[in-house]
Amino acid sequence: MKVLLFEDEPYTAERLMDLIKQYDPKINILAVLDSIEAGLEWYRNHPMPDLIFQDIQLIGGNCFELFEQVDIPVPIIFTTAYHDYAIQSFQVNN
């Protein structure tokens, strides 16, 4: 499985990668991206992963800006401490 991570906090990114690898060491973490700009660049130059772990607040804005510009047809697991975005994340992930 090919996984893409969006997280702008280095400690949180490391912890999430550790948890994913504990779950299944064969999972291939393609990249850890920390900003809207990095995400847009990545999507322009790479095929879609199988799964995305997506933080809401990133450098340069929130992740919903990505969804306005890129069609993302793969499952997304939102990883955030902000409950305010719960409804919006369910709407995006239909």
PDB file of N, CA and C in Angstrom:
ATOM      1  N   MET A   1       0.853  -1.177   0.000  1.00  0.00           N
ATOM      2  CA  MET A   1       0.000   0.000   0.000  1.00  0.00           C
ATOM      3  C   MET A   1       0.898   1.239   0.000  1.00  0.00           C
ATOM      4  N   LYS A   2       0.535   2.191  -0.823  1.00  0.00           N
ATOM      5  CA  LYS A   2       1.260   3.459  -0.924  1.00  0.00           C
ATOM      6  C   LYS A   2       0.468   4.539  -0.203  1.00  0.00           C
ATOM      7  N   VAL A   3       1.128   5.198   0.761  1.00  0.00           N
ATOM      8  CA  VAL A   3       0.460   6.159   1.635  1.00  0.00           C
ATOM      9  C   VAL A   3       1.155   7.514   1.534  1.00  0.00           C
ATOM     10  N   LEU A   4       0.346   8.566   1.549  1.00  0.00           N
ATOM     11  CA  LEU A   4       0.843   9.937   1.556  1.00  0.00           C
ATOM     12  C   LEU A   4       0.414  10.582   2.869  1.00  0.00           C
ATOM     13  N   LEU A   5       1.344  11.285   3.530  1.00  0.00           N
ATOM     14  CA  LEU A   5       1.041  11.958   4.789  1.00  0.00           C
ATOM     15  C   LEU A   5       1.124  13.465   4.618  1.00  0.00           C
ATOM     16  N   PHE A   6       0.140  14.150   5.180  1.00  0.00           N
ATOM     17  CA  PHE A   6       0.172  15.607   5.275  1.00  0.00           C
ATOM     18  C   PHE A   6       0.225  15.957   6.753  1.00  0.00           C
ATOM     19  N   GLU A   7       1.323  16.540   7.186  1.00  0.00           N
ATOM     20  CA  GLU A   7       1.478  16.942   8.585  1.00  0.00           C
ATOM     21  C   GLU A   7       2.576  17.991   8.670  1.00  0.00           C
ATOM     22  N   ASP A   8       2.280  19.114   9.326  1.00  0.00           N
ATOM     23  CA  ASP A   8       3.266  20.185   9.424  1.00  0.00           C
ATOM     24  C   ASP A   8       4.010  20.214  10.757  1.00  0.00           C
ATOM     25  N   GLU A   9       3.692  19.330  11.662  1.00  0.00           N
ATOM     26  CA  GLU A   9       4.408  19.229  12.936  1.00  0.00           C
ATOM     27  C   GLU A   9       5.353  18.024  12.858  1.00  0.00           C
ATOM     28  N   PRO A  10       6.667  18.250  12.874  1.00  0.00           N
ATOM     29  CA  PRO A  10       7.615  17.142  12.703  1.00  0.00           C
ATOM     30  C   PRO A  10       7.430  15.994  13.703  1.00  0.00           C
ATOM     31  N   TYR A  11       7.215  16.313  14.977  1.00  0.00           N
ATOM     32  CA  TYR A  11       7.040  15.244  15.965  1.00  0.00           C
ATOM     33  C   TYR A  11       5.808  14.403  15.638  1.00  0.00           C
ATOM     34  N   THR A  12       4.715  15.060  15.287  1.00  0.00           N
ATOM     35  CA  THR A  12       3.480  14.347  14.958  1.00  0.00           C
ATOM     36  C   THR A  12       3.666  13.492  13.710  1.00  0.00           C
ATOM     37  N   ALA A  13       4.374  14.011  12.726  1.00  0.00           N
ATOM     38  CA  ALA A  13       4.640  13.242  11.506  1.00  0.00           C
ATOM     39  C   ALA A  13       5.444  11.985  11.832  1.00  0.00           C
ATOM     40  N   GLU A  14       6.474  12.134  12.639  1.00  0.00           N
ATOM     41  CA  GLU A  14       7.287  10.979  13.040  1.00  0.00           C
ATOM     42  C   GLU A  14       6.456   9.952  13.795  1.00  0.00           C
ATOM     43  N   ARG A  15       5.614  10.417  14.714  1.00  0.00           N
ATOM     44  CA  ARG A  15       4.776   9.511  15.501  1.00  0.00           C
ATOM     45  C   ARG A  15       3.793   8.770  14.592  1.00  0.00           C
ATOM     46  N   LEU A  16       3.185   9.474  13.662  1.00  0.00           N
ATOM     47  CA  LEU A  16       2.249   8.845  12.743  1.00  0.00           C
ATOM     48  C   LEU A  16       2.954   7.809  11.862  1.00  0.00           C
ATOM     49  N   MET A  17       4.140   8.132  11.376  1.00  0.00           N
ATOM     50  CA  MET A  17       4.896   7.169  10.574  1.00  0.00           C
ATOM     51  C   MET A  17       5.226   5.930  11.400  1.00  0.00           C
ATOM     52  N   ASP A  18       5.616   6.115  12.643  1.00  0.00           N
ATOM     53  CA  ASP A  18       5.903   4.977  13.528  1.00  0.00           C
ATOM     54  C   ASP A  18       4.667   4.095  13.707  1.00  0.00           C
ATOM     55  N   LEU A  19       3.518   4.717  13.948  1.00  0.00           N
ATOM     56  CA  LEU A  19       2.288   3.948  14.137  1.00  0.00           C
ATOM     57  C   LEU A  19       1.902   3.172  12.877  1.00  0.00           C
ATOM     58  N   ILE A  20       2.057   3.798  11.734  1.00  0.00           N
ATOM     59  CA  ILE A  20       1.739   3.138  10.466  1.00  0.00           C
ATOM     60  C   ILE A  20       2.660   1.939  10.254  1.00  0.00           C
ATOM     61  N   LYS A  21       3.943   2.121  10.497  1.00  0.00           N
ATOM     62  CA  LYS A  21       4.915   1.041  10.310  1.00  0.00           C
ATOM     63  C   LYS A  21       4.711  -0.082  11.324  1.00  0.00           C
ATOM     64  N   GLN A  22       4.273   0.259  12.527  1.00  0.00           N
ATOM     65  CA  GLN A  22       3.949  -0.785  13.504  1.00  0.00           C
ATOM     66  C   GLN A  22       2.763  -1.610  13.027  1.00  0.00           C
ATOM     67  N   TYR A  23       1.808  -0.952  12.433  1.00  0.00           N
ATOM     68  CA  TYR A  23       0.625  -1.643  11.922  1.00  0.00           C
ATOM     69  C   TYR A  23       0.997  -2.601  10.795  1.00  0.00           C
ATOM     70  N   ASP A  24       1.789  -2.092   9.838  1.00  0.00           N
ATOM     71  CA  ASP A  24       2.206  -2.921   8.715  1.00  0.00           C
ATOM     72  C   ASP A  24       3.520  -2.381   8.155  1.00  0.00           C
ATOM     73  N   PRO A  25       4.628  -3.053   8.433  1.00  0.00           N
ATOM     74  CA  PRO A  25       5.936  -2.571   7.963  1.00  0.00           C
ATOM     75  C   PRO A  25       6.060  -2.499   6.438  1.00  0.00           C
ATOM     76  N   LYS A  26       5.163  -3.173   5.715  1.00  0.00           N
ATOM     77  CA  LYS A  26       5.233  -3.166   4.249  1.00  0.00           C
ATOM     78  C   LYS A  26       4.604  -1.914   3.635  1.00  0.00           C
ATOM     79  N   ILE A  27       3.929  -1.107   4.442  1.00  0.00           N
ATOM     80  CA  ILE A  27       3.323   0.118   3.902  1.00  0.00           C
ATOM     81  C   ILE A  27       4.425   1.053   3.441  1.00  0.00           C
ATOM     82  N   ASN A  28       4.269   1.562   2.239  1.00  0.00           N
ATOM     83  CA  ASN A  28       5.249   2.475   1.652  1.00  0.00           C
ATOM     84  C   ASN A  28       4.765   3.914   1.848  1.00  0.00           C
ATOM     85  N   ILE A  29       5.447   4.655   2.718  1.00  0.00           N
ATOM     86  CA  ILE A  29       5.119   6.067   2.933  1.00  0.00           C
ATOM     87  C   ILE A  29       5.848   6.864   1.857  1.00  0.00           C
ATOM     88  N   LEU A  30       5.081   7.387   0.913  1.00  0.00           N
ATOM     89  CA  LEU A  30       5.652   8.053  -0.255  1.00  0.00           C
ATOM     90  C   LEU A  30       6.297   9.384   0.085  1.00  0.00           C
ATOM     91  N   ALA A  31       5.637  10.153   0.955  1.00  0.00           N
ATOM     92  CA  ALA A  31       6.152  11.483   1.305  1.00  0.00           C
ATOM     93  C   ALA A  31       5.404  11.991   2.526  1.00  0.00           C
ATOM     94  N   VAL A  32       6.047  12.917   3.207  1.00  0.00           N
ATOM     95  CA  VAL A  32       5.402  13.677   4.278  1.00  0.00           C
ATOM     96  C   VAL A  32       5.437  15.133   3.833  1.00  0.00           C
ATOM     97  N   LEU A  33       4.257  15.702   3.636  1.00  0.00           N
ATOM     98  CA  LEU A  33       4.144  17.064   3.115  1.00  0.00           C
ATOM     99  C   LEU A  33       3.591  17.967   4.199  1.00  0.00           C
ATOM    100  N   ASP A  34       4.120  19.189   4.266  1.00  0.00           N
ATOM    101  CA  ASP A  34       3.745  20.081   5.363  1.00  0.00           C
ATOM    102  C   ASP A  34       2.973  21.323   4.942  1.00  0.00           C
ATOM    103  N   SER A  35       2.724  21.477   3.642  1.00  0.00           N
ATOM    104  CA  SER A  35       2.082  22.715   3.194  1.00  0.00           C
ATOM    105  C   SER A  35       1.141  22.471   2.021  1.00  0.00           C
ATOM    106  N   ILE A  36       0.272  23.433   1.804  1.00  0.00           N
ATOM    107  CA  ILE A  36      -0.619  23.405   0.647  1.00  0.00           C
ATOM    108  C   ILE A  36       0.202  23.403  -0.638  1.00  0.00           C
ATOM    109  N   GLU A  37       1.187  24.265  -0.706  1.00  0.00           N
ATOM    110  CA  GLU A  37       2.033  24.370  -1.889  1.00  0.00           C
ATOM    111  C   GLU A  37       2.742  23.048  -2.193  1.00  0.00           C
ATOM    112  N   ALA A  38       3.299  22.409  -1.156  1.00  0.00           N
ATOM    113  CA  ALA A  38       3.984  21.125  -1.352  1.00  0.00           C
ATOM    114  C   ALA A  38       3.000  20.066  -1.833  1.00  0.00           C
ATOM    115  N   GLY A  39       1.781  20.100  -1.308  1.00  0.00           N
ATOM    116  CA  GLY A  39       0.761  19.149  -1.735  1.00  0.00           C
ATOM    117  C   GLY A  39       0.385  19.318  -3.198  1.00  0.00           C
ATOM    118  N   LEU A  40       0.158  20.552  -3.600  1.00  0.00           N
ATOM    119  CA  LEU A  40      -0.194  20.812  -5.000  1.00  0.00           C
ATOM    120  C   LEU A  40       0.931  20.368  -5.927  1.00  0.00           C
ATOM    121  N   GLU A  41       2.148  20.659  -5.556  1.00  0.00           N
ATOM    122  CA  GLU A  41       3.310  20.252  -6.350  1.00  0.00           C
ATOM    123  C   GLU A  41       3.390  18.727  -6.438  1.00  0.00           C
ATOM    124  N   TRP A  42       3.181  18.065  -5.308  1.00  0.00           N
ATOM    125  CA  TRP A  42       3.253  16.604  -5.292  1.00  0.00           C
ATOM    126  C   TRP A  42       2.177  16.010  -6.200  1.00  0.00           C
ATOM    127  N   TYR A  43       0.946  16.475  -6.074  1.00  0.00           N
ATOM    128  CA  TYR A  43      -0.145  15.944  -6.897  1.00  0.00           C
ATOM    129  C   TYR A  43       0.081  16.180  -8.389  1.00  0.00           C
ATOM    130  N   ARG A  44       0.739  17.271  -8.749  1.00  0.00           N
ATOM    131  CA  ARG A  44       1.025  17.544 -10.169  1.00  0.00           C
ATOM    132  C   ARG A  44       2.045  16.568 -10.739  1.00  0.00           C
ATOM    133  N   ASN A  45       2.907  16.034  -9.898  1.00  0.00           N
ATOM    134  CA  ASN A  45       4.055  15.274 -10.394  1.00  0.00           C
ATOM    135  C   ASN A  45       4.088  13.797 -10.025  1.00  0.00           C
ATOM    136  N   HIS A  46       3.048  13.309  -9.363  1.00  0.00           N
ATOM    137  CA  HIS A  46       3.044  11.908  -8.930  1.00  0.00           C
ATOM    138  C   HIS A  46       1.662  11.294  -9.124  1.00  0.00           C
ATOM    139  N   PRO A  47       1.637   9.964  -9.267  1.00  0.00           N
ATOM    140  CA  PRO A  47       0.330   9.295  -9.298  1.00  0.00           C
ATOM    141  C   PRO A  47      -0.301   9.298  -7.904  1.00  0.00           C
ATOM    142  N   MET A  48      -1.590   9.104  -7.841  1.00  0.00           N
ATOM    143  CA  MET A  48      -2.305   9.076  -6.568  1.00  0.00           C
ATOM    144  C   MET A  48      -1.819   7.915  -5.703  1.00  0.00           C
ATOM    145  N   PRO A  49      -1.724   8.156  -4.407  1.00  0.00           N
ATOM    146  CA  PRO A  49      -1.417   7.051  -3.493  1.00  0.00           C
ATOM    147  C   PRO A  49      -2.673   6.198  -3.304  1.00  0.00           C
ATOM    148  N   ASP A  50      -2.542   5.158  -2.508  1.00  0.00           N
ATOM    149  CA  ASP A  50      -3.691   4.312  -2.186  1.00  0.00           C
ATOM    150  C   ASP A  50      -4.501   4.875  -1.022  1.00  0.00           C
ATOM    151  N   LEU A  51      -3.843   5.645  -0.163  1.00  0.00           N
ATOM    152  CA  LEU A  51      -4.459   6.177   1.051  1.00  0.00           C
ATOM    153  C   LEU A  51      -3.730   7.448   1.452  1.00  0.00           C
ATOM    154  N   ILE A  52      -4.485   8.400   2.024  1.00  0.00           N
ATOM    155  CA  ILE A  52      -3.890   9.662   2.486  1.00  0.00           C
ATOM    156  C   ILE A  52      -4.236   9.866   3.955  1.00  0.00           C
ATOM    157  N   PHE A  53      -3.231  10.212   4.741  1.00  0.00           N
ATOM    158  CA  PHE A  53      -3.441  10.692   6.103  1.00  0.00           C
ATOM    159  C   PHE A  53      -3.300  12.212   6.020  1.00  0.00           C
ATOM    160  N   GLN A  54      -4.352  12.928   6.366  1.00  0.00           N
ATOM    161  CA  GLN A  54      -4.439  14.357   6.080  1.00  0.00           C
ATOM    162  C   GLN A  54      -4.675  15.186   7.337  1.00  0.00           C
ATOM    163  N   ASP A  55      -3.681  16.004   7.698  1.00  0.00           N
ATOM    164  CA  ASP A  55      -3.883  17.004   8.741  1.00  0.00           C
ATOM    165  C   ASP A  55      -4.716  18.124   8.122  1.00  0.00           C
ATOM    166  N   ILE A  56      -5.475  18.827   8.946  1.00  0.00           N
ATOM    167  CA  ILE A  56      -6.326  19.909   8.436  1.00  0.00           C
ATOM    168  C   ILE A  56      -5.523  21.198   8.263  1.00  0.00           C
ATOM    169  N   GLN A  57      -4.894  21.649   9.328  1.00  0.00           N
ATOM    170  CA  GLN A  57      -4.130  22.892   9.292  1.00  0.00           C
ATOM    171  C   GLN A  57      -2.713  22.609   8.816  1.00  0.00           C
ATOM    172  N   LEU A  58      -2.339  23.237   7.714  1.00  0.00           N
ATOM    173  CA  LEU A  58      -1.011  23.076   7.135  1.00  0.00           C
ATOM    174  C   LEU A  58      -0.383  24.443   6.943  1.00  0.00           C
ATOM    175  N   ILE A  59       0.876  24.444   6.643  1.00  0.00           N
ATOM    176  CA  ILE A  59       1.537  25.700   6.306  1.00  0.00           C
ATOM    177  C   ILE A  59       0.861  26.250   5.049  1.00  0.00           C
ATOM    178  N   GLY A  60       0.436  27.473   5.105  1.00  0.00           N
ATOM    179  CA  GLY A  60      -0.179  28.106   3.944  1.00  0.00           C
ATOM    180  C   GLY A  60      -1.688  27.993   3.875  1.00  0.00           C
ATOM    181  N   GLY A  61      -2.328  27.353   4.857  1.00  0.00           N
ATOM    182  CA  GLY A  61      -3.781  27.269   4.843  1.00  0.00           C
ATOM    183  C   GLY A  61      -4.290  25.950   5.375  1.00  0.00           C
ATOM    184  N   ASN A  62      -5.551  25.660   5.081  1.00  0.00           N
ATOM    185  CA  ASN A  62      -6.074  24.364   5.508  1.00  0.00           C
ATOM    186  C   ASN A  62      -6.263  23.461   4.295  1.00  0.00           C
ATOM    187  N   CYS A  63      -6.336  22.179   4.550  1.00  0.00           N
ATOM    188  CA  CYS A  63      -6.300  21.180   3.479  1.00  0.00           C
ATOM    189  C   CYS A  63      -7.470  21.285   2.513  1.00  0.00           C
ATOM    190  N   PHE A  64      -8.561  21.912   2.919  1.00  0.00           N
ATOM    191  CA  PHE A  64      -9.713  21.989   2.026  1.00  0.00           C
ATOM    192  C   PHE A  64      -9.405  22.814   0.779  1.00  0.00           C
ATOM    193  N   GLU A  65      -8.368  23.654   0.856  1.00  0.00           N
ATOM    194  CA  GLU A  65      -7.912  24.377  -0.329  1.00  0.00           C
ATOM    195  C   GLU A  65      -7.372  23.409  -1.384  1.00  0.00           C
ATOM    196  N   LEU A  66      -6.745  22.323  -0.927  1.00  0.00           N
ATOM    197  CA  LEU A  66      -6.255  21.301  -1.864  1.00  0.00           C
ATOM    198  C   LEU A  66      -7.407  20.672  -2.628  1.00  0.00           C
ATOM    199  N   PHE A  67      -8.481  20.350  -1.903  1.00  0.00           N
ATOM    200  CA  PHE A  67      -9.606  19.654  -2.507  1.00  0.00           C
ATOM    201  C   PHE A  67     -10.349  20.521  -3.513  1.00  0.00           C
ATOM    202  N   GLU A  68     -10.188  21.838  -3.407  1.00  0.00           N
ATOM    203  CA  GLU A  68     -10.791  22.740  -4.388  1.00  0.00           C
ATOM    204  C   GLU A  68     -10.027  22.715  -5.711  1.00  0.00           C
ATOM    205  N   GLN A  69      -8.753  22.278  -5.659  1.00  0.00           N
ATOM    206  CA  GLN A  69      -7.903  22.329  -6.837  1.00  0.00           C
ATOM    207  C   GLN A  69      -7.540  20.963  -7.412  1.00  0.00           C
ATOM    208  N   VAL A  70      -7.701  19.914  -6.602  1.00  0.00           N
ATOM    209  CA  VAL A  70      -7.285  18.577  -7.030  1.00  0.00           C
ATOM    210  C   VAL A  70      -8.409  17.588  -6.741  1.00  0.00           C
ATOM    211  N   ASP A  71      -8.732  16.759  -7.726  1.00  0.00           N
ATOM    212  CA  ASP A  71      -9.688  15.671  -7.512  1.00  0.00           C
ATOM    213  C   ASP A  71      -8.927  14.528  -6.858  1.00  0.00           C
ATOM    214  N   ILE A  72      -9.337  14.166  -5.658  1.00  0.00           N
ATOM    215  CA  ILE A  72      -8.640  13.128  -4.897  1.00  0.00           C
ATOM    216  C   ILE A  72      -9.611  11.961  -4.707  1.00  0.00           C
ATOM    217  N   PRO A  73      -9.466  10.923  -5.535  1.00  0.00           N
ATOM    218  CA  PRO A  73     -10.432   9.820  -5.524  1.00  0.00           C
ATOM    219  C   PRO A  73     -10.095   8.687  -4.546  1.00  0.00           C
ATOM    220  N   VAL A  74      -9.108   8.879  -3.700  1.00  0.00           N
ATOM    221  CA  VAL A  74      -8.697   7.811  -2.775  1.00  0.00           C
ATOM    222  C   VAL A  74      -9.179   8.125  -1.357  1.00  0.00           C
ATOM    223  N   PRO A  75      -9.249   7.115  -0.492  1.00  0.00           N
ATOM    224  CA  PRO A  75      -9.681   7.367   0.893  1.00  0.00           C
ATOM    225  C   PRO A  75      -8.719   8.304   1.628  1.00  0.00           C
ATOM    226  N   ILE A  76      -9.298   9.106   2.510  1.00  0.00           N
ATOM    227  CA  ILE A  76      -8.533  10.057   3.317  1.00  0.00           C
ATOM    228  C   ILE A  76      -8.877   9.821   4.776  1.00  0.00           C
ATOM    229  N   ILE A  77      -7.847   9.698   5.595  1.00  0.00           N
ATOM    230  CA  ILE A  77      -8.020   9.643   7.039  1.00  0.00           C
ATOM    231  C   ILE A  77      -7.558  10.993   7.576  1.00  0.00           C
ATOM    232  N   PHE A  78      -8.481  11.756   8.124  1.00  0.00           N
ATOM    233  CA  PHE A  78      -8.133  13.070   8.658  1.00  0.00           C
ATOM    234  C   PHE A  78      -7.533  12.914  10.048  1.00  0.00           C
ATOM    235  N   THR A  79      -6.395  13.539  10.227  1.00  0.00           N
ATOM    236  CA  THR A  79      -5.666  13.469  11.499  1.00  0.00           C
ATOM    237  C   THR A  79      -5.498  14.892  12.007  1.00  0.00           C
ATOM    238  N   THR A  80      -6.355  15.284  12.923  1.00  0.00           N
ATOM    239  CA  THR A  80      -6.327  16.662  13.390  1.00  0.00           C
ATOM    240  C   THR A  80      -6.798  16.746  14.828  1.00  0.00           C
ATOM    241  N   ALA A  81      -6.378  17.781  15.499  1.00  0.00           N
ATOM    242  CA  ALA A  81      -6.848  18.043  16.860  1.00  0.00           C
ATOM    243  C   ALA A  81      -8.039  18.998  16.853  1.00  0.00           C
ATOM    244  N   TYR A  82      -8.439  19.459  15.690  1.00  0.00           N
ATOM    245  CA  TYR A  82      -9.500  20.456  15.574  1.00  0.00           C
ATOM    246  C   TYR A  82     -10.834  19.802  15.242  1.00  0.00           C
ATOM    247  N   HIS A  83     -11.710  19.668  16.209  1.00  0.00           N
ATOM    248  CA  HIS A  83     -13.014  19.053  15.973  1.00  0.00           C
ATOM    249  C   HIS A  83     -13.926  19.938  15.125  1.00  0.00           C
ATOM    250  N   ASP A  84     -13.590  21.215  15.007  1.00  0.00           N
ATOM    251  CA  ASP A  84     -14.417  22.142  14.241  1.00  0.00           C
ATOM    252  C   ASP A  84     -14.552  21.735  12.771  1.00  0.00           C
ATOM    253  N   TYR A  85     -13.627  20.942  12.275  1.00  0.00           N
ATOM    254  CA  TYR A  85     -13.632  20.577  10.862  1.00  0.00           C
ATOM    255  C   TYR A  85     -14.269  19.221  10.592  1.00  0.00           C
ATOM    256  N   ALA A  86     -14.857  18.594  11.578  1.00  0.00           N
ATOM    257  CA  ALA A  86     -15.381  17.233  11.426  1.00  0.00           C
ATOM    258  C   ALA A  86     -16.411  17.129  10.295  1.00  0.00           C
ATOM    259  N   ILE A  87     -17.410  17.973  10.298  1.00  0.00           N
ATOM    260  CA  ILE A  87     -18.458  17.899   9.275  1.00  0.00           C
ATOM    261  C   ILE A  87     -17.894  18.151   7.899  1.00  0.00           C
ATOM    262  N   GLN A  88     -17.043  19.151   7.776  1.00  0.00           N
ATOM    263  CA  GLN A  88     -16.455  19.461   6.473  1.00  0.00           C
ATOM    264  C   GLN A  88     -15.608  18.288   5.960  1.00  0.00           C
ATOM    265  N   SER A  89     -14.886  17.616   6.851  1.00  0.00           N
ATOM    266  CA  SER A  89     -14.059  16.479   6.410  1.00  0.00           C
ATOM    267  C   SER A  89     -14.921  15.313   5.942  1.00  0.00           C
ATOM    268  N   PHE A  90     -16.073  15.084   6.572  1.00  0.00           N
ATOM    269  CA  PHE A  90     -16.969  14.022   6.107  1.00  0.00           C
ATOM    270  C   PHE A  90     -17.532  14.363   4.725  1.00  0.00           C
ATOM    271  N   GLN A  91     -17.822  15.617   4.480  1.00  0.00           N
ATOM    272  CA  GLN A  91     -18.383  16.019   3.203  1.00  0.00           C
ATOM    273  C   GLN A  91     -17.368  15.837   2.071  1.00  0.00           C
ATOM    274  N   VAL A  92     -16.113  16.114   2.344  1.00  0.00           N
ATOM    275  CA  VAL A  92     -15.067  15.983   1.339  1.00  0.00           C
ATOM    276  C   VAL A  92     -14.793  14.518   1.026  1.00  0.00           C
ATOM    277  N   ASN A  93     -14.923  13.680   2.014  1.00  0.00           N
ATOM    278  CA  ASN A  93     -14.493  12.280   1.883  1.00  0.00           C
ATOM    279  C   ASN A  93     -15.632  11.365   1.426  1.00  0.00           C
ATOM    280  N   ASN A  94     -16.599  11.873   0.688  1.00  0.00           N
ATOM    281  CA  ASN A  94     -17.677  11.035   0.157  1.00  0.00           C
ATOM    282  C   ASN A  94     -17.243  10.311  -1.090  1.00  0.00           C
TER     283      ASN A  94
END
